[in-house]
Amino acid sequence: MSFSLKSDIYQSLKLLELVSPASNNRSRGSIKLLRLPHTRISNGSVRIESANADAVRGNWNQYDQQELVDMLHRCAENRSLIAAKSVHGFVLRYYPCEVNLIVLLNHVAYAYSRCHDFRAARHVFDNMPERNVFSWTVMILGSIENGLFHDALGFFLEMHNQGVSPDKFAYSAIVQLCISLGSIELSEIVHSKIIRSGFASNTFIGTSLLSMYAKLGRMEESRRLFNSMAEQNEVSWNAIISGFTSNGFYSDAYDYFLRMKQGGLKPNAYTFISVLKAVGKLGDIDKGRQVHSHVSETGMDSNVSVGTALIDMYAKSGSISDARGVFEMNFMECRVNAPWNAMISAYSYCGLSREALELYVDMCQRSIESDIFTYCSVFNSIAASKNLRFAREVHGKVLTSRNSLTVTEVSNAIADAYAKCRSLEDVEKVFKVTEDKDLVSWTAMLTAYSQCSEEISALSFFSQMREEGFLPNEYTYSSMLAACSSLSFLEYGRQVHGLICKARMDNERCVESALIDMYAKCGSITDASRVFARIHMPDIVSWSSMISAYALHGLVENALRLFEAMEKLGIRPNSVTFLSVLFACSHGGLVEEGLSYFDAMRNDYGITPEMQHYACIVDLLGRVGHLDDAVGFIKKMPIEPDEMIWQSLLAACRVHGNIELGKVAAEKIVSVRPEDPATYVLLSNTYFQSGKLEDGRGLRDLMKGWGMKKEPGFSWISVNGRVHKFYARDQEHPQRDEIYAVLEELRVIMKLLDLT
């Protein structure tokens, strides 16, 4: 979150650039290193374990300063507020006149702050008889840790007014404040003051500054600082590499990693995690393997954090076999769930849902605990596989495991999985019980309505979401545009487009493509073309959407010309692009061109055809009546044809009246989905189309005997911004009497005009 300095504070800070405080900074207070007793936090109290523990309990003043400081640090580490109060009480009782009382009180304030009782820390600070730079540093850090950024800024200003000069630790705290506030103004002022104070050449401060600029997105300043440092240690190298990665400078992160190696410095786990993330983002398998070789040289293959990063990198680079190799070699017997989560996520990312779910089952059988990351990855795989039974089984496991459903991220993943499985009732139940609903929760519910053909409910839910105060993001708008597309609701789609422009999200990639698709499916190819023309440097998704839009409107030549223009610009088509091109050829009856593009996809671009591509070719051949060629094509398929292929063939048989071949296609579909009435309806329509009315009626009678019901057809119309939905033989519509009366009038008029 960025922070803009108020004018009065900004003016105060500007004084820091002009005034150098007097060099009357008090001593931090040296801490003498002494033998430490073994202390332990037990049941909220300090327990002392030493040879003379009994005597000491009765006489706390036998403890020296360092031992009490050590106890306070243990309180801070264990976040034990009760224990901190106990030690504080003894300090006040036995050391009220201690010469170095300031040292003890500083650490008391530090302990309170770390225990998240900043009010107590502030009370200690306010009542100190004197303060030194460490006192102010504790308060600045405590304010930051407790989210009190303006208080931290106030302490910084007051520290300056009191004439206390920051040391390197105080400056490091102030740098952290700049990061927390997201303030470029403050960071530049602090940097200037550090230079004037003579700390700029300090490696510790230099590293803090370059890390600050990186976290504020100012990588050029960060790079310049790093290159000007007299000494670059392991920490500074890690800071610059991490900065490049987090700011999207992935190639620079890799290059600096190589420079670090060439400089003789040994990378640690943090270095490898940062550079592996960068290489994964690049998707460069060769660079990834080179980094992996360096990991092996240092013996960190089995380090859980590094191994997890390796698995993720290989998955992002498209080599699931390498990811699996890392996992099986180093982590099959690991009881920590992080590598298992990474491998499940890798399978899910690469579209191997079955393997992801099988690994999850293996993980459960080994009694390895699942966490939020496990469940999110598993439900992503369930969503991809559309396995409703498995979704409910895992959901049941979530409900019985430490209230994980109360975690919004898990609830959202479950809702998305149910939506992909088209189980709207389950999605609604999950949404209802989710306690802390966020924008993702609302978007998941809205998307579920859209995916489950409840588009009108999606429109209503969108309005409800906005009334609840949730501002839609690009994914929400994409789902809304999809709902408008399905309804062909151009008027509402334009209203949503207006909201998108008002929110300044019209340049988001997913929104641009959704807008093209919405306008095309709502019948306005002109608007779709305008959206595409306004896109700055369209990506492959935008090109594919526009090609598909032209194909949908029968503008086959436009679609193919656009594809050629894309190729000339050096943009490599993907499987979705070719699907749009094949769709265009199919609707245009361009058999030779379609087959040529299909071959180019495999031979020129190395894209393995998916079932949808094969179905497009079957549809292409079927539309022009080349049914024998379509059957021959199906027989040569390297993968087992599914119902999509046979449905395309059956539809072609209905158009061209080939009953025998239609029966074959129908039998194939029924063998996979015997309960689906659509196949029987399509076959009966084939009989009717061919004039075999008795056979058609006989099949419909069989359906009735089996208890099968054809899903009623429905239509909808938009009137005055409201969508009205009508089902065949609808008796539920509130205006059914008027509707049927008008239809009867139209029927009579058509009969008189001999139009029936």
Foldseek 3Di string as FASTA:
>chain_A
DAADDDPVLLVLLVVLLVDAFDPPFDDPDDDDDDDEFDWDQDPLAIDTDDPPRVVCVVPVLVDDDVRLLVQLVNLLVVLRPSHLVVSVVVCCVNPVPPPVSQNNLLSSLLSCLSNVNNVVSVVSLVPDPDHGLSSLLSNLQSCVVNVNLVVSSVSVSVCVVVRHDHDLSSLLSQLVSCLSNLYPSSLVSSVSSCVVVPNLQPQSNLLSSLLSCLSSLNLVVSVVSQVPHPDAAQSSLLSNLLSCQVNLVLVVSLVSVVVCVVVVHQHDLSSLLSNLSSLLVVLDVVSLVVSVVSCVVVPCLQPLSNLLSSLSSCLSNPNLVSSVVSCVVHPPPPLACSSLLSNLLSCLSNLNLVVSVVSVVVNVVVVRDDALSSLLSNLSSLLSVLPPVVLVVVVVVCVPPPVRLQVQSNLLSSLLSCLSNLNLVVNVVSLVPHDDDALSNLLSNLLSCLSNVNLQVSVVSVVVCVVVPHDHDLSSLLSNLSSLLVQLVVVVNVVSVVSCVVVVNLQPQSNLLSNLSSCLSNPNNVSSVVSLVPHDPRAQSSLLSNLLSCLSVLVLVVSVVSVVVCVVVVHDHAQSSLLSNLSSCQSNLVLVVNVVSVVCVCPVVVYDHDLSSLLSNLLSCLVVPVLVVSVVSQVPDPDNHALSNLVSSLLSCLVVLVLVSNVVSLVRHCVVVVQDCVSLQSSLSSCVSNVNPVVSVVSVVVCVVVVHDDDWDKHWDADPNDIDIGTVVDPPDPCVVVVVVVVVVVVVVCVVVVND
